């Protein structure tokens, strides 16, 4: 009898927890509420199946409990029961898959007015590329990737010279406008994932994958990598800032194009690369104030790149 009580409490408790739980979806920041709906359908179908199985177990324990003089009946098969189980399982699986196919069709059918943003994943940082004044992204090739051209743009492609290169892991998007995310990995498998957007996609080396969404409210949202990609996987994070149109245009005007970055003669570290090292050089005081300049040379994980960082303290 104790087993029956435990099974009934488990079934009833699970249902009550689902219906009365204070934890639910976080407020979404994109148009993909359909993904929430498909998950809800799965919850209901699997929840009903779980509750039915547990209550059936409780019934069997109670109905067929040991009694003196009872003789067990051996039934090698029950075609009627097997038919009902097969039919129920078929309808349940179809009910879970059909909405997913509908949502997937929407997921990859990009509106014609969607702007393009390329997301580049590499161990263990995010970079981004936006079209310049010509509205087109330039071509890229993996063999072009060097420390001075970490995204692999073709230098002889005129369409790529005005592309805006966003390094540092922070991407800005305008609210209320559809955007097509072109996903590219330059090393291993990654997965671009912003939980509040309810949308993510694998990034496969040698392929361009994509999805689209429309940001529906302003805010700052964290980018995660949802594919184990090495020892730095937990630190592979970034930020998406959804701006008003005015703020977005201000941010856009501050970004540099590929040609501007290529023409720069300043030594720049590969943004986000894991670096190690200790300060070198001697601190020297300049002027009469308590101003000290420290120069620090660090060796980055990129094969040939070194970063020289200067920090000032007053």
Protein backbone atom coordinates (compact mmCIF):
# COMPACT_ATOMS: atom_id res chain seq x y z
CA UNK A 1 0.00 0.00 0.00
CA UNK A 2 2.89 2.37 0.73
CA UNK A 3 4.10 2.01 -2.86
CA UNK A 4 0.64 2.91 -4.16
CA UNK A 5 0.51 6.04 -2.01
CA UNK A 6 3.99 7.11 -3.16
CA UNK A 7 3.10 6.66 -6.84
CA UNK A 8 -0.17 8.59 -6.51
CA UNK A 9 1.57 11.43 -4.64
CA UNK A 10 4.27 11.51 -7.33
CA UNK A 11 1.70 11.86 -10.11
CA UNK A 12 -0.47 14.42 -8.32
CA UNK A 13 2.55 16.38 -7.08
CA UNK A 14 4.04 16.60 -10.57
CA UNK A 15 0.80 17.96 -12.00
CA UNK A 16 0.37 20.52 -9.21
CA UNK A 17 4.00 21.63 -9.49
CA UNK A 18 3.57 22.22 -13.21
CA UNK A 19 0.31 24.15 -12.81
CA UNK A 20 1.26 26.19 -9.73
CA UNK A 21 5.00 26.68 -10.25
CA UNK A 22 6.17 30.33 -10.07
CA UNK A 23 8.94 29.55 -12.59
CA UNK A 24 8.12 29.87 -16.26
CA UNK A 25 9.53 31.35 -19.44
CA UNK A 26 11.61 34.49 -19.21
CA UNK A 27 10.16 37.44 -21.17
CA UNK A 28 11.10 36.89 -24.80
CA UNK A 29 13.03 39.49 -26.75
CA UNK A 30 12.17 38.28 -30.25
CA UNK A 31 9.28 37.04 -32.36
CA UNK A 32 9.90 33.34 -31.70
CA UNK A 33 7.06 32.69 -29.26
CA UNK A 34 6.24 29.75 -31.57
CA UNK A 35 9.23 27.90 -30.11
CA UNK A 36 7.75 28.33 -26.63
CA UNK A 37 4.46 26.96 -27.93
CA UNK A 38 6.12 23.82 -29.31
CA UNK A 39 7.85 23.22 -25.98
CA UNK A 40 4.52 23.69 -24.17
CA UNK A 41 2.89 21.09 -26.44
CA UNK A 42 5.71 18.67 -25.63
CA UNK A 43 5.26 19.36 -21.91
CA UNK A 44 1.56 18.53 -22.07
CA UNK A 45 1.95 15.36 -24.12
CA UNK A 46 4.85 13.96 -22.09
CA UNK A 47 3.18 15.12 -18.86
CA UNK A 48 -0.05 13.30 -19.66
CA UNK A 49 1.91 10.17 -20.64
CA UNK A 50 3.97 10.33 -17.43
CA UNK A 51 0.91 10.79 -15.22
CA UNK A 52 -0.98 7.98 -16.97
CA UNK A 53 1.93 5.55 -16.63
CA UNK A 54 2.49 6.33 -12.94
CA UNK A 55 -1.21 6.01 -12.10
CA UNK A 56 -1.37 2.75 -14.08
CA UNK A 57 1.56 1.45 -12.05
CA UNK A 58 -0.27 2.38 -8.84
CA UNK A 59 -3.41 0.60 -10.09
CA UNK A 60 -1.42 -2.55 -10.95
CA UNK A 61 0.31 -2.62 -7.56
CA UNK A 62 -3.06 -2.30 -5.81
CA UNK A 63 -5.15 -4.51 -8.10
CA UNK A 64 -2.68 -7.35 -8.41
CA UNK A 65 -1.15 -7.28 -4.96
CA UNK A 66 -0.29 -10.55 -3.29
CA UNK A 67 -3.21 -12.43 -1.78
CA UNK A 68 -3.24 -15.92 -0.29
CA UNK A 69 -4.42 -18.49 -2.82
CA UNK A 70 -4.03 -16.23 -5.87
CA UNK A 71 -2.64 -17.93 -8.97
CA UNK A 72 -0.75 -15.84 -11.51
CA UNK A 73 -2.17 -15.79 -15.04
CA UNK A 74 0.33 -16.04 -17.90
CA UNK A 75 -0.58 -14.01 -21.00
CA UNK A 76 2.22 -14.05 -23.61
CA UNK A 77 0.70 -11.16 -25.58
CA UNK A 78 -2.27 -8.85 -25.75
CA UNK A 79 -2.82 -7.70 -29.32
CA UNK A 80 -5.57 -5.31 -28.36
CA UNK A 81 -3.39 -3.55 -25.78
CA UNK A 82 -0.46 -3.47 -28.19
CA UNK A 83 -2.66 -1.84 -30.82
CA UNK A 84 -3.85 0.86 -28.44
CA UNK A 85 -0.30 1.57 -27.26
CA UNK A 86 1.05 1.78 -30.82
CA UNK A 87 -1.79 4.08 -31.90
CA UNK A 88 -1.42 6.35 -28.89
CA UNK A 89 2.33 6.57 -29.32
CA UNK A 90 1.96 7.42 -33.02
CA UNK A 91 -0.47 10.25 -32.34
CA UNK A 92 1.69 11.56 -29.50
CA UNK A 93 4.88 11.65 -31.58
CA UNK A 94 3.04 13.23 -34.52
CA UNK A 95 1.57 15.89 -32.23
CA UNK A 96 5.07 16.80 -31.04
CA UNK A 97 6.74 16.74 -34.47
CA UNK A 98 4.13 18.53 -36.59
CA UNK A 99 4.37 21.93 -34.81
CA UNK A 100 8.16 21.69 -34.96
CA UNK A 101 8.09 21.27 -38.75
CA UNK A 102 5.81 24.30 -39.04
CA UNK A 103 8.09 26.41 -36.86
CA UNK A 104 11.22 25.20 -38.68
CA UNK A 105 9.74 26.33 -41.99
CA UNK A 106 9.26 29.80 -40.52
CA UNK A 107 12.69 29.65 -38.92
CA UNK A 108 14.52 29.35 -42.24
CA UNK A 109 12.17 31.42 -44.43
CA UNK A 110 13.77 34.84 -44.15
CA UNK A 111 11.74 38.01 -44.87
CA UNK A 112 12.95 39.90 -47.93
CA UNK A 113 13.52 43.09 -45.94
CA UNK A 114 15.77 41.40 -43.35
CA UNK A 115 19.23 42.90 -42.92
CA UNK A 116 22.23 40.57 -42.79
CA UNK A 117 24.70 40.17 -39.95
CA UNK A 118 27.53 37.66 -40.04
CA UNK A 119 28.52 35.98 -36.78
CA UNK A 120 31.98 34.44 -36.65
CA UNK A 121 32.80 31.96 -33.92
CA UNK A 122 36.31 30.93 -33.01
CA UNK A 123 37.94 29.59 -29.89
CA UNK A 124 36.82 31.32 -27.76
CA UNK A 125 35.32 34.60 -28.88
CA UNK A 126 32.64 36.13 -31.06
CA UNK A 127 33.17 38.58 -33.91
CA UNK A 128 30.62 40.16 -36.23
CA UNK A 129 30.49 41.67 -39.71
CA UNK A 130 27.88 44.05 -41.11
CA UNK A 131 27.42 45.27 -44.69
CA UNK A 132 28.82 48.70 -45.46
CA UNK A 133 27.35 51.43 -47.63
CA UNK A 134 26.92 49.07 -50.59
CA UNK A 135 24.59 46.84 -48.54
CA UNK A 136 26.53 43.68 -49.44
CA UNK A 137 28.93 41.50 -47.50
CA UNK A 138 32.23 40.67 -49.13
CA UNK A 139 33.37 37.12 -49.74
CA UNK A 140 35.60 35.19 -47.35
CA UNK A 141 37.93 32.21 -47.48
CA UNK A 142 39.33 30.17 -44.63
CA UNK A 143 42.84 30.25 -46.11
CA UNK A 144 42.84 34.04 -45.79
CA UNK A 145 42.67 33.88 -42.00
CA UNK A 146 45.81 35.41 -40.49
CA UNK A 147 46.31 37.54 -37.35
CA UNK A 148 45.89 40.71 -39.43
CA UNK A 149 42.72 39.34 -41.11
CA UNK A 150 41.15 37.14 -38.47
CA UNK A 151 37.82 36.88 -40.34
CA UNK A 152 39.35 35.73 -43.63
CA UNK A 153 37.96 38.44 -45.93
CA UNK A 154 39.11 38.48 -49.55
CA UNK A 155 41.24 41.59 -49.86
CA UNK A 156 40.64 41.78 -53.63
CA UNK A 157 36.84 41.82 -53.24
CA UNK A 158 35.66 45.42 -53.46
CA UNK A 159 32.35 44.54 -51.79
CA UNK A 160 34.17 43.64 -48.58
CA UNK A 161 36.27 46.76 -48.19
CA UNK A 162 33.45 48.75 -46.59
CA UNK A 163 32.20 45.86 -44.42
CA UNK A 164 32.00 46.88 -40.78
CA UNK A 165 34.10 44.65 -38.51
CA UNK A 166 32.79 44.32 -34.96
CA UNK A 167 35.35 42.87 -32.57
CA UNK A 168 35.12 42.51 -28.82
CA UNK A 169 31.98 40.38 -28.63
CA UNK A 170 29.32 43.13 -28.51
CA UNK A 171 26.75 43.40 -31.28
CA UNK A 172 24.07 46.08 -31.57
CA UNK A 173 20.78 45.59 -33.40
CA UNK A 174 17.82 47.92 -34.03
CA UNK A 175 14.55 47.02 -32.35
CA UNK A 176 11.60 45.96 -34.47
CA UNK A 177 13.55 45.09 -37.64
CA UNK A 178 14.12 41.53 -38.94
CA UNK A 179 17.72 40.38 -39.11
CA UNK A 180 19.26 37.35 -40.81
CA UNK A 181 22.13 35.86 -38.83
CA UNK A 182 24.77 34.23 -41.04
CA UNK A 183 26.78 31.86 -38.87
CA UNK A 184 30.36 30.84 -39.63
CA UNK A 185 32.99 28.99 -37.62
CA UNK A 186 36.68 29.23 -38.44
CA UNK A 187 37.87 26.32 -36.30
CA UNK A 188 35.54 23.87 -34.50
CA UNK A 189 31.83 23.38 -33.88
CA UNK A 190 30.14 26.27 -32.08
CA UNK A 191 26.51 27.22 -31.47
CA UNK A 192 25.25 30.81 -31.42
CA UNK A 193 22.61 31.07 -28.70
CA UNK A 194 20.82 34.01 -27.08
CA UNK A 195 18.29 32.45 -24.65
CA UNK A 196 15.90 35.41 -24.67
CA UNK A 197 15.67 35.25 -28.47
CA UNK A 198 14.46 31.60 -28.32
CA UNK A 199 16.63 30.95 -31.36
CA UNK A 200 19.97 29.23 -31.88
CA UNK A 201 21.86 27.38 -34.56
CA UNK A 202 24.96 25.21 -34.90
CA UNK A 203 28.04 26.71 -36.57
CA UNK A 204 29.85 24.10 -38.67
CA UNK A 205 33.33 24.73 -40.11
CA UNK A 206 33.13 24.99 -43.89
CA UNK A 207 29.41 25.82 -43.89
CA UNK A 208 27.27 28.94 -43.59
CA UNK A 209 24.20 28.27 -41.45
CA UNK A 210 21.55 30.86 -40.74
CA UNK A 211 18.34 31.80 -39.00
CA UNK A 212 16.38 35.00 -38.58
CA UNK A 213 14.48 36.84 -35.89
CA UNK A 214 13.03 40.24 -35.09
CA UNK A 215 14.10 41.88 -31.80
CA UNK A 216 10.92 43.01 -30.07
CA UNK A 217 12.24 45.07 -27.16
CA UNK A 218 15.34 47.00 -26.25
CA UNK A 219 17.78 45.61 -23.74
CA UNK A 220 21.09 43.85 -23.25
CA UNK A 221 21.20 40.09 -23.73
CA UNK A 222 24.00 37.56 -23.29
CA UNK A 223 25.39 35.44 -26.10
CA UNK A 224 26.35 31.89 -25.20
CA UNK A 225 28.05 29.08 -27.07
CA UNK A 226 25.77 26.04 -26.80
CA UNK A 227 28.26 23.56 -28.27
CA UNK A 228 31.22 22.20 -26.30
CA UNK A 229 34.20 23.69 -28.12
CA UNK A 230 37.22 23.22 -25.88
CA UNK A 231 38.62 24.26 -22.53
CA UNK A 232 37.52 27.89 -22.95
CA UNK A 233 33.92 27.00 -23.81
CA UNK A 234 32.37 28.42 -20.59
CA UNK A 235 34.07 31.78 -21.22
CA UNK A 236 32.88 32.07 -24.82
CA UNK A 237 30.33 34.76 -24.18
CA UNK A 238 29.24 37.97 -25.81
CA UNK A 239 26.51 40.58 -25.74
CA UNK A 240 23.66 41.64 -27.99
CA UNK A 241 22.37 45.15 -27.35
CA UNK A 242 18.98 45.93 -28.90
CA UNK A 243 18.79 49.69 -29.44
CA UNK A 244 16.27 52.19 -30.62
CA UNK A 245 16.85 53.23 -34.23
CA UNK A 246 18.50 56.49 -33.15
CA UNK A 247 20.92 54.82 -30.74
CA UNK A 248 21.69 52.12 -33.29
CA UNK A 249 22.66 54.66 -35.94
CA UNK A 250 24.95 56.43 -33.46
CA UNK A 251 26.67 53.13 -32.64
CA UNK A 252 26.90 52.19 -36.31
CA UNK A 253 28.66 55.44 -37.17
CA UNK A 254 31.37 54.64 -34.63
CA UNK A 255 32.35 51.32 -36.23
CA UNK A 256 35.32 50.87 -38.55
CA UNK A 257 35.34 49.23 -41.95
CA UNK A 258 37.67 46.46 -43.08
CA UNK A 259 39.68 48.89 -45.21
CA UNK A 260 40.11 51.27 -42.28
CA UNK A 261 41.31 48.49 -40.00
CA UNK A 262 43.66 47.17 -42.68
CA UNK A 263 45.19 50.60 -43.12
CA UNK A 264 45.79 51.03 -39.42
CA UNK A 265 49.45 50.81 -38.44
CA UNK A 266 48.78 50.28 -34.75
CA UNK A 267 49.65 46.89 -33.25
CA UNK A 268 46.41 45.36 -32.09
CA UNK A 269 45.76 42.21 -30.08
CA UNK A 270 43.39 39.65 -31.47
CA UNK A 271 40.26 40.64 -29.49
CA UNK A 272 39.17 38.05 -27.01
CA UNK A 273 42.10 35.69 -27.51
CA UNK A 274 43.29 34.00 -24.36
CA UNK A 275 46.60 35.61 -23.41
CA UNK A 276 49.07 34.81 -20.70
CA UNK A 277 52.11 36.55 -19.33
CA UNK A 278 53.46 38.76 -16.61
CA UNK A 279 54.27 42.47 -16.68
CA UNK A 280 57.66 43.30 -18.08
CA UNK A 281 59.56 46.54 -17.88
CA UNK A 282 60.02 48.97 -15.05
CA UNK A 283 57.49 51.50 -13.96
CA UNK A 284 58.70 55.06 -14.38
CA UNK A 285 57.25 58.22 -12.94
CA UNK A 286 56.64 61.03 -15.39
CA UNK A 287 56.32 64.66 -14.42
CA UNK A 288 55.63 65.86 -10.94
CA UNK A 289 52.36 64.04 -10.46
CA UNK A 290 51.90 60.49 -9.24
CA UNK A 291 51.40 59.18 -12.77
CA UNK A 292 52.96 55.79 -13.49
CA UNK A 293 52.97 54.06 -16.86
CA UNK A 294 53.23 50.29 -17.00
CA UNK A 295 54.01 48.48 -20.19
CA UNK A 296 53.07 44.85 -20.38
CA UNK A 297 53.91 42.41 -23.14
CA UNK A 298 51.75 39.31 -23.35
CA UNK A 299 51.94 36.39 -25.73
CA UNK A 300 48.58 35.46 -27.23
CA UNK A 301 47.41 32.02 -28.18
CA UNK A 302 47.32 33.01 -31.84
CA UNK A 303 50.44 31.52 -33.47
CA UNK A 304 52.22 34.72 -34.45
CA UNK A 305 50.36 37.43 -32.64
CA UNK A 306 51.63 39.32 -29.62
CA UNK A 307 49.81 42.05 -27.77
CA UNK A 308 51.37 45.06 -26.14
CA UNK A 309 49.07 46.51 -23.51
CA UNK A 310 49.60 49.79 -21.75
CA UNK A 311 47.70 50.69 -18.60
CA UNK A 312 47.90 53.93 -16.70
CA UNK A 313 47.17 54.59 -13.04
CA UNK A 314 46.79 58.00 -11.51
